[in-house]
PDB file of N, CA and C in Angstrom:
ATOM      1  N   MET A   1      14.150 149.226  14.325  1.00  0.00           N
ATOM      2  CA  MET A   1      12.838 148.700  14.062  1.00  0.00           C
ATOM      3  C   MET A   1      11.958 149.719  13.348  1.00  0.00           C
ATOM      4  N   THR A   2      12.156 150.982  13.650  1.00  0.00           N
ATOM      5  CA  THR A   2      11.359 152.014  12.986  1.00  0.00           C
ATOM      6  C   THR A   2      11.603 151.995  11.484  1.00  0.00           C
ATOM      7  N   TYR A   3      12.836 151.671  11.084  1.00  0.00           N
ATOM      8  CA  TYR A   3      13.123 151.621   9.659  1.00  0.00           C
ATOM      9  C   TYR A   3      12.271 150.562   8.981  1.00  0.00           C
ATOM     10  N   VAL A   4      12.198 149.389   9.561  1.00  0.00           N
ATOM     11  CA  VAL A   4      11.449 148.299   8.937  1.00  0.00           C
ATOM     12  C   VAL A   4       9.950 148.588   8.959  1.00  0.00           C
ATOM     13  N   ARG A   5       9.454 149.158  10.056  1.00  0.00           N
ATOM     14  CA  ARG A   5       8.020 149.398  10.179  1.00  0.00           C
ATOM     15  C   ARG A   5       7.535 150.554   9.326  1.00  0.00           C
ATOM     16  N   ILE A   6       8.303 151.614   9.247  1.00  0.00           N
ATOM     17  CA  ILE A   6       7.821 152.827   8.581  1.00  0.00           C
ATOM     18  C   ILE A   6       8.601 153.137   7.310  1.00  0.00           C
ATOM     19  N   TRP A   7       9.907 153.247   7.447  1.00  0.00           N
ATOM     20  CA  TRP A   7      10.698 153.766   6.334  1.00  0.00           C
ATOM     21  C   TRP A   7      10.875 152.790   5.178  1.00  0.00           C
ATOM     22  N   LEU A   8      10.902 151.503   5.419  1.00  0.00           N
ATOM     23  CA  LEU A   8      11.023 150.549   4.314  1.00  0.00           C
ATOM     24  C   LEU A   8       9.807 150.599   3.393  1.00  0.00           C
ATOM     25  N   PRO A   9       8.560 150.529   3.924  1.00  0.00           N
ATOM     26  CA  PRO A   9       7.423 150.647   3.008  1.00  0.00           C
ATOM     27  C   PRO A   9       7.360 152.000   2.296  1.00  0.00           C
ATOM     28  N   VAL A  10       7.694 153.080   3.009  1.00  0.00           N
ATOM     29  CA  VAL A  10       7.679 154.408   2.388  1.00  0.00           C
ATOM     30  C   VAL A  10       8.719 154.487   1.276  1.00  0.00           C
ATOM     31  N   THR A  11       9.888 153.919   1.513  1.00  0.00           N
ATOM     32  CA  THR A  11      10.941 153.929   0.494  1.00  0.00           C
ATOM     33  C   THR A  11      10.506 153.157  -0.747  1.00  0.00           C
ATOM     34  N   ILE A  12       9.863 152.029  -0.568  1.00  0.00           N
ATOM     35  CA  ILE A  12       9.394 151.237  -1.713  1.00  0.00           C
ATOM     36  C   ILE A  12       8.328 152.011  -2.490  1.00  0.00           C
ATOM     37  N   LEU A  13       7.405 152.668  -1.772  1.00  0.00           N
ATOM     38  CA  LEU A  13       6.368 153.460  -2.441  1.00  0.00           C
ATOM     39  C   LEU A  13       6.984 154.623  -3.214  1.00  0.00           C
ATOM     40  N   LEU A  14       7.961 155.288  -2.623  1.00  0.00           N
ATOM     41  CA  LEU A  14       8.624 156.399  -3.317  1.00  0.00           C
ATOM     42  C   LEU A  14       9.410 155.921  -4.532  1.00  0.00           C
ATOM     43  N   ALA A  15       9.960 154.703  -4.450  1.00  0.00           N
ATOM     44  CA  ALA A  15      10.682 154.154  -5.604  1.00  0.00           C
ATOM     45  C   ALA A  15       9.741 153.999  -6.798  1.00  0.00           C
ATOM     46  N   GLY A  16       8.484 153.665  -6.542  1.00  0.00           N
ATOM     47  CA  GLY A  16       7.503 153.579  -7.632  1.00  0.00           C
ATOM     48  C   GLY A  16       7.282 154.933  -8.282  1.00  0.00           C
ATOM     49  N   ILE A  17       7.195 155.979  -7.478  1.00  0.00           N
ATOM     50  CA  ILE A  17       7.018 157.330  -8.031  1.00  0.00           C
ATOM     51  C   ILE A  17       8.245 157.753  -8.820  1.00  0.00           C
ATOM     52  N   VAL A  18       9.424 157.482  -8.259  1.00  0.00           N
ATOM     53  CA  VAL A  18      10.671 157.832  -8.950  1.00  0.00           C
ATOM     54  C   VAL A  18      10.763 157.102 -10.281  1.00  0.00           C
ATOM     55  N   LEU A  19      10.343 155.857 -10.319  1.00  0.00           N
ATOM     56  CA  LEU A  19      10.379 155.089 -11.568  1.00  0.00           C
ATOM     57  C   LEU A  19       9.528 155.756 -12.642  1.00  0.00           C
ATOM     58  N   ILE A  20       8.345 156.210 -12.283  1.00  0.00           N
ATOM     59  CA  ILE A  20       7.482 156.879 -13.257  1.00  0.00           C
ATOM     60  C   ILE A  20       8.116 158.174 -13.742  1.00  0.00           C
ATOM     61  N   VAL A  21       8.677 158.946 -12.821  1.00  0.00           N
ATOM     62  CA  VAL A  21       9.275 160.232 -13.188  1.00  0.00           C
ATOM     63  C   VAL A  21      10.496 160.028 -14.074  1.00  0.00           C
ATOM     64  N   VAL A  22      11.356 159.090 -13.717  1.00  0.00           N
ATOM     65  CA  VAL A  22      12.596 158.876 -14.469  1.00  0.00           C
ATOM     66  C   VAL A  22      12.310 158.364 -15.880  1.00  0.00           C
ATOM     67  N   ARG A  23      11.357 157.474 -16.018  1.00  0.00           N
ATOM     68  CA  ARG A  23      11.076 156.894 -17.335  1.00  0.00           C
ATOM     69  C   ARG A  23      10.063 157.695 -18.135  1.00  0.00           C
ATOM     70  N   GLY A  24       9.541 158.750 -17.561  1.00  0.00           N
ATOM     71  CA  GLY A  24       8.653 159.619 -18.321  1.00  0.00           C
ATOM     72  C   GLY A  24       7.207 159.175 -18.363  1.00  0.00           C
ATOM     73  N   GLY A  25       6.825 158.236 -17.547  1.00  0.00           N
ATOM     74  CA  GLY A  25       5.424 157.837 -17.482  1.00  0.00           C
ATOM     75  C   GLY A  25       4.985 156.889 -18.576  1.00  0.00           C
ATOM     76  N   ASP A  26       5.914 156.120 -19.170  1.00  0.00           N
ATOM     77  CA  ASP A  26       5.494 155.157 -20.185  1.00  0.00           C
ATOM     78  C   ASP A  26       4.796 153.959 -19.528  1.00  0.00           C
ATOM     79  N   GLU A  27       4.273 153.079 -20.344  1.00  0.00           N
ATOM     80  CA  GLU A  27       3.476 151.962 -19.841  1.00  0.00           C
ATOM     81  C   GLU A  27       4.275 151.030 -18.945  1.00  0.00           C
ATOM     82  N   THR A  28       5.504 150.776 -19.303  1.00  0.00           N
ATOM     83  CA  THR A  28       6.351 149.898 -18.511  1.00  0.00           C
ATOM     84  C   THR A  28       6.613 150.482 -17.125  1.00  0.00           C
ATOM     85  N   SER A  29       6.854 151.796 -17.068  1.00  0.00           N
ATOM     86  CA  SER A  29       7.126 152.413 -15.771  1.00  0.00           C
ATOM     87  C   SER A  29       5.881 152.398 -14.882  1.00  0.00           C
ATOM     88  N   ILE A  30       4.720 152.531 -15.458  1.00  0.00           N
ATOM     89  CA  ILE A  30       3.491 152.482 -14.671  1.00  0.00           C
ATOM     90  C   ILE A  30       3.258 151.073 -14.134  1.00  0.00           C
ATOM     91  N   ASP A  31       3.527 150.058 -14.957  1.00  0.00           N
ATOM     92  CA  ASP A  31       3.412 148.679 -14.488  1.00  0.00           C
ATOM     93  C   ASP A  31       4.414 148.404 -13.368  1.00  0.00           C
ATOM     94  N   GLY A  32       5.633 148.867 -13.541  1.00  0.00           N
ATOM     95  CA  GLY A  32       6.655 148.682 -12.504  1.00  0.00           C
ATOM     96  C   GLY A  32       6.298 149.416 -11.224  1.00  0.00           C
ATOM     97  N   ALA A  33       5.777 150.630 -11.376  1.00  0.00           N
ATOM     98  CA  ALA A  33       5.377 151.408 -10.200  1.00  0.00           C
ATOM     99  C   ALA A  33       4.233 150.707  -9.472  1.00  0.00           C
ATOM    100  N   ALA A  34       3.294 150.139 -10.211  1.00  0.00           N
ATOM    101  CA  ALA A  34       2.193 149.415  -9.578  1.00  0.00           C
ATOM    102  C   ALA A  34       2.718 148.218  -8.794  1.00  0.00           C
ATOM    103  N   ALA A  35       3.702 147.528  -9.353  1.00  0.00           N
ATOM    104  CA  ALA A  35       4.298 146.399  -8.645  1.00  0.00           C
ATOM    105  C   ALA A  35       5.010 146.868  -7.375  1.00  0.00           C
ATOM    106  N   LEU A  36       5.733 147.967  -7.470  1.00  0.00           N
ATOM    107  CA  LEU A  36       6.412 148.503  -6.291  1.00  0.00           C
ATOM    108  C   LEU A  36       5.414 148.979  -5.243  1.00  0.00           C
ATOM    109  N   TRP A  37       4.322 149.597  -5.666  1.00  0.00           N
ATOM    110  CA  TRP A  37       3.302 150.035  -4.718  1.00  0.00           C
ATOM    111  C   TRP A  37       2.663 148.825  -4.034  1.00  0.00           C
ATOM    112  N   GLY A  38       2.427 147.780  -4.797  1.00  0.00           N
ATOM    113  CA  GLY A  38       1.894 146.561  -4.188  1.00  0.00           C
ATOM    114  C   GLY A  38       2.846 145.976  -3.164  1.00  0.00           C
ATOM    115  N   ALA A  39       4.133 145.975  -3.487  1.00  0.00           N
ATOM    116  CA  ALA A  39       5.129 145.466  -2.545  1.00  0.00           C
ATOM    117  C   ALA A  39       5.208 146.350  -1.306  1.00  0.00           C
ATOM    118  N   GLY A  40       5.219 147.656  -1.495  1.00  0.00           N
ATOM    119  CA  GLY A  40       5.296 148.576  -0.357  1.00  0.00           C
ATOM    120  C   GLY A  40       4.089 148.457   0.554  1.00  0.00           C
ATOM    121  N   LEU A  41       2.914 148.378  -0.040  1.00  0.00           N
ATOM    122  CA  LEU A  41       1.700 148.223   0.765  1.00  0.00           C
ATOM    123  C   LEU A  41       1.675 146.872   1.468  1.00  0.00           C
ATOM    124  N   SER A  42       2.204 145.828   0.820  1.00  0.00           N
ATOM    125  CA  SER A  42       2.277 144.511   1.449  1.00  0.00           C
ATOM    126  C   SER A  42       3.207 144.522   2.657  1.00  0.00           C
ATOM    127  N   VAL A  43       4.354 145.169   2.531  1.00  0.00           N
ATOM    128  CA  VAL A  43       5.281 145.268   3.659  1.00  0.00           C
ATOM    129  C   VAL A  43       4.622 146.027   4.808  1.00  0.00           C
ATOM    130  N   GLY A  44       3.948 147.118   4.492  1.00  0.00           N
ATOM    131  CA  GLY A  44       3.260 147.881   5.527  1.00  0.00           C
ATOM    132  C   GLY A  44       2.164 147.074   6.205  1.00  0.00           C
ATOM    133  N   LEU A  45       1.389 146.335   5.426  1.00  0.00           N
ATOM    134  CA  LEU A  45       0.311 145.517   5.975  1.00  0.00           C
ATOM    135  C   LEU A  45       0.870 144.396   6.850  1.00  0.00           C
ATOM    136  N   LEU A  46       1.927 143.746   6.403  1.00  0.00           N
ATOM    137  CA  LEU A  46       2.524 142.680   7.204  1.00  0.00           C
ATOM    138  C   LEU A  46       3.067 143.218   8.524  1.00  0.00           C
ATOM    139  N   ASN A  47       3.665 144.393   8.492  1.00  0.00           N
ATOM    140  CA  ASN A  47       4.134 145.011   9.737  1.00  0.00           C
ATOM    141  C   ASN A  47       2.963 145.294  10.671  1.00  0.00           C
ATOM    142  N   TRP A  48       1.863 145.812  10.137  1.00  0.00           N
ATOM    143  CA  TRP A  48       0.693 146.116  10.952  1.00  0.00           C
ATOM    144  C   TRP A  48       0.102 144.834  11.554  1.00  0.00           C
ATOM    145  N   LEU A  49      -0.004 143.778  10.741  1.00  0.00           N
ATOM    146  CA  LEU A  49      -0.540 142.513  11.240  1.00  0.00           C
ATOM    147  C   LEU A  49       0.346 141.927  12.336  1.00  0.00           C
ATOM    148  N   TYR A  50       1.654 142.042  12.177  1.00  0.00           N
ATOM    149  CA  TYR A  50       2.579 141.555  13.196  1.00  0.00           C
ATOM    150  C   TYR A  50       2.373 142.311  14.505  1.00  0.00           C
ATOM    151  N   ARG A  51       2.257 143.637  14.412  1.00  0.00           N
ATOM    152  CA  ARG A  51       2.053 144.450  15.616  1.00  0.00           C
ATOM    153  C   ARG A  51       0.734 144.098  16.296  1.00  0.00           C
ATOM    154  N   MET A  52      -0.299 143.839  15.529  1.00  0.00           N
ATOM    155  CA  MET A  52      -1.583 143.436  16.104  1.00  0.00           C
ATOM    156  C   MET A  52      -1.453 142.080  16.799  1.00  0.00           C
ATOM    157  N   GLY A  53      -0.685 141.180  16.213  1.00  0.00           N
ATOM    158  CA  GLY A  53      -0.499 139.851  16.795  1.00  0.00           C
ATOM    159  C   GLY A  53       0.228 139.883  18.119  1.00  0.00           C
ATOM    160  N   ILE A  54       1.266 140.685  18.224  1.00  0.00           N
ATOM    161  CA  ILE A  54       2.014 140.707  19.482  1.00  0.00           C
ATOM    162  C   ILE A  54       1.310 141.513  20.548  1.00  0.00           C
ATOM    163  N   SER A  55       0.363 142.374  20.182  1.00  0.00           N
ATOM    164  CA  SER A  55      -0.376 143.103  21.208  1.00  0.00           C
ATOM    165  C   SER A  55      -1.242 142.140  22.026  1.00  0.00           C
ATOM    166  N   GLY A  56      -1.701 141.053  21.432  1.00  0.00           N
ATOM    167  CA  GLY A  56      -2.458 140.042  22.168  1.00  0.00           C
ATOM    168  C   GLY A  56      -1.594 139.340  23.196  1.00  0.00           C
ATOM    169  N   ASP A  57      -0.319 139.134  22.887  1.00  0.00           N
ATOM    170  CA  ASP A  57       0.601 138.534  23.842  1.00  0.00           C
ATOM    171  C   ASP A  57       0.754 139.417  25.075  1.00  0.00           C
ATOM    172  N   ARG A  58       0.813 140.706  24.878  1.00  0.00           N
ATOM    173  CA  ARG A  58       0.944 141.649  25.988  1.00  0.00           C
ATOM    174  C   ARG A  58      -0.305 141.596  26.870  1.00  0.00           C
ATOM    175  N   ASP A  59      -1.482 141.514  26.250  1.00  0.00           N
ATOM    176  CA  ASP A  59      -2.734 141.422  27.011  1.00  0.00           C
ATOM    177  C   ASP A  59      -2.780 140.136  27.838  1.00  0.00           C
ATOM    178  N   ARG A  60      -2.332 139.030  27.250  1.00  0.00           N
ATOM    179  CA  ARG A  60      -2.318 137.764  27.980  1.00  0.00           C
ATOM    180  C   ARG A  60      -1.347 137.815  29.155  1.00  0.00           C
ATOM    181  N   ALA A  61      -0.204 138.450  28.972  1.00  0.00           N
ATOM    182  CA  ALA A  61       0.773 138.568  30.058  1.00  0.00           C
ATOM    183  C   ALA A  61       0.195 139.400  31.209  1.00  0.00           C
ATOM    184  N   GLU A  62      -0.510 140.488  30.882  1.00  0.00           N
ATOM    185  CA  GLU A  62      -1.133 141.306  31.924  1.00  0.00           C
ATOM    186  C   GLU A  62      -2.200 140.513  32.674  1.00  0.00           C
ATOM    187  N   GLU A  63      -2.965 139.713  31.971  1.00  0.00           N
ATOM    188  CA  GLU A  63      -3.993 138.890  32.608  1.00  0.00           C
ATOM    189  C   GLU A  63      -3.351 137.852  33.531  1.00  0.00           C
ATOM    190  N   ASP A  64      -2.253 137.243  33.090  1.00  0.00           N
ATOM    191  CA  ASP A  64      -1.553 136.276  33.936  1.00  0.00           C
ATOM    192  C   ASP A  64      -1.025 136.924  35.215  1.00  0.00           C
ATOM    193  N   GLU A  65      -0.496 138.147  35.096  1.00  0.00           N
ATOM    194  CA  GLU A  65      -0.009 138.870  36.270  1.00  0.00           C
ATOM    195  C   GLU A  65      -1.162 139.189  37.226  1.00  0.00           C
ATOM    196  N   ALA A  66      -2.314 139.577  36.693  1.00  0.00           N
ATOM    197  CA  ALA A  66      -3.468 139.877  37.540  1.00  0.00           C
ATOM    198  C   ALA A  66      -3.949 138.619  38.255  1.00  0.00           C
ATOM    199  N   ARG A  67      -3.952 137.488  37.576  1.00  0.00           N
ATOM    200  CA  ARG A  67      -4.379 136.238  38.213  1.00  0.00           C
ATOM    201  C   ARG A  67      -3.394 135.812  39.302  1.00  0.00           C
ATOM    202  N   ALA A  68      -2.108 135.996  39.063  1.00  0.00           N
ATOM    203  CA  ALA A  68      -1.122 135.679  40.103  1.00  0.00           C
ATOM    204  C   ALA A  68      -1.316 136.588  41.317  1.00  0.00           C
ATOM    205  N   TYR A  69      -1.618 137.854  41.087  1.00  0.00           N
ATOM    206  CA  TYR A  69      -1.894 138.791  42.181  1.00  0.00           C
ATOM    207  C   TYR A  69      -3.115 138.332  42.967  1.00  0.00           C
ATOM    208  N   PHE A  70      -4.155 137.898  42.260  1.00  0.00           N
ATOM    209  CA  PHE A  70      -5.364 137.406  42.920  1.00  0.00           C
ATOM    210  C   PHE A  70      -5.051 136.184  43.782  1.00  0.00           C
ATOM    211  N   ASP A  71      -4.229 135.271  43.268  1.00  0.00           N
ATOM    212  CA  ASP A  71      -3.871 134.078  44.029  1.00  0.00           C
ATOM    213  C   ASP A  71      -3.111 134.435  45.305  1.00  0.00           C
ATOM    214  N   ARG A  72      -2.255 135.441  45.260  1.00  0.00           N
ATOM    215  CA  ARG A  72      -1.463 135.838  46.424  1.00  0.00           C
ATOM    216  C   ARG A  72      -2.273 136.627  47.442  1.00  0.00           C
ATOM    217  N   HIS A  73      -3.139 137.537  46.971  1.00  0.00           N
ATOM    218  CA  HIS A  73      -3.782 138.505  47.856  1.00  0.00           C
ATOM    219  C   HIS A  73      -5.281 138.275  48.066  1.00  0.00           C
ATOM    220  N   GLY A  74      -5.922 137.485  47.240  1.00  0.00           N
ATOM    221  CA  GLY A  74      -7.340 137.202  47.424  1.00  0.00           C
ATOM    222  C   GLY A  74      -8.272 138.237  46.812  1.00  0.00           C
ATOM    223  N   HIS A  75      -7.752 139.194  46.097  1.00  0.00           N
ATOM    224  CA  HIS A  75      -8.575 140.179  45.377  1.00  0.00           C
ATOM    225  C   HIS A  75      -7.814 140.613  44.135  1.00  0.00           C
ATOM    226  N   TRP A  76      -8.568 141.198  43.193  1.00  0.00           N
ATOM    227  CA  TRP A  76      -7.964 141.645  41.943  1.00  0.00           C
ATOM    228  C   TRP A  76      -7.175 142.935  42.176  1.00  0.00           C
ATOM    229  N   PRO A  77      -6.159 143.198  41.362  1.00  0.00           N
ATOM    230  CA  PRO A  77      -5.323 144.384  41.567  1.00  0.00           C
ATOM    231  C   PRO A  77      -6.099 145.702  41.497  1.00  0.00           C
ATOM    232  N   ASP A  78      -7.175 145.760  40.737  1.00  0.00           N
ATOM    233  CA  ASP A  78      -7.922 147.013  40.609  1.00  0.00           C
ATOM    234  C   ASP A  78      -9.088 147.123  41.592  1.00  0.00           C
ATOM    235  N   GLU A  79      -9.180 146.194  42.539  1.00  0.00           N
ATOM    236  CA  GLU A  79     -10.227 146.228  43.561  1.00  0.00           C
ATOM    237  C   GLU A  79      -9.630 146.595  44.917  1.00  0.00           C
ATOM    238  N   LEU A  80     -10.466 147.138  45.781  1.00  0.00           N
ATOM    239  CA  LEU A  80     -10.031 147.410  47.147  1.00  0.00           C
ATOM    240  C   LEU A  80      -9.939 146.087  47.898  1.00  0.00           C
ATOM    241  N   PRO A  81      -8.968 145.971  48.811  1.00  0.00           N
ATOM    242  CA  PRO A  81      -8.884 144.714  49.564  1.00  0.00           C
ATOM    243  C   PRO A  81     -10.107 144.537  50.464  1.00  0.00           C
ATOM    244  N   PRO A  82     -10.518 143.301  50.683  1.00  0.00           N
ATOM    245  CA  PRO A  82     -11.672 143.077  51.564  1.00  0.00           C
ATOM    246  C   PRO A  82     -11.338 143.490  52.994  1.00  0.00           C
ATOM    247  N   ARG A  83     -12.350 143.962  53.696  1.00  0.00           N
ATOM    248  CA  ARG A  83     -12.143 144.382  55.089  1.00  0.00           C
ATOM    249  C   ARG A  83     -11.887 143.154  55.964  1.00  0.00           C
ATOM    250  N   GLN A  84     -10.946 143.300  56.864  1.00  0.00           N
ATOM    251  CA  GLN A  84     -10.618 142.216  57.786  1.00  0.00           C
ATOM    252  C   GLN A  84     -11.514 142.328  59.027  1.00  0.00           C
ATOM    253  N   GLY A  85     -12.073 141.217  59.474  1.00  0.00           N
ATOM    254  CA  GLY A  85     -12.853 141.186  60.703  1.00  0.00           C
ATOM    255  C   GLY A  85     -14.266 141.692  60.577  1.00  0.00           C
ATOM    256  N   SER A  86     -14.775 141.889  59.370  1.00  0.00           N
ATOM    257  CA  SER A  86     -16.156 142.386  59.224  1.00  0.00           C
ATOM    258  C   SER A  86     -17.088 141.242  58.973  1.00  0.00           C
TER     259      SER A  86
END
């Protein structure tokens, strides 16, 4: 997964630089490099958006677990239990 999240966008961005260096910086190589940079940045952005999306799922799961705990015990997991007989 690290390859897809980090190394794939970096590899695409580096391919744009290599294209400019290999072709000597002509107009075509700059256009191609810009396209590769756009693709690399798009892959990176999509990975970031995906990670942000699944972090909400984790928060919802934690909330569901806390509510189940409340239903079983009568208090929230981060609260002290109520005193008995007071």
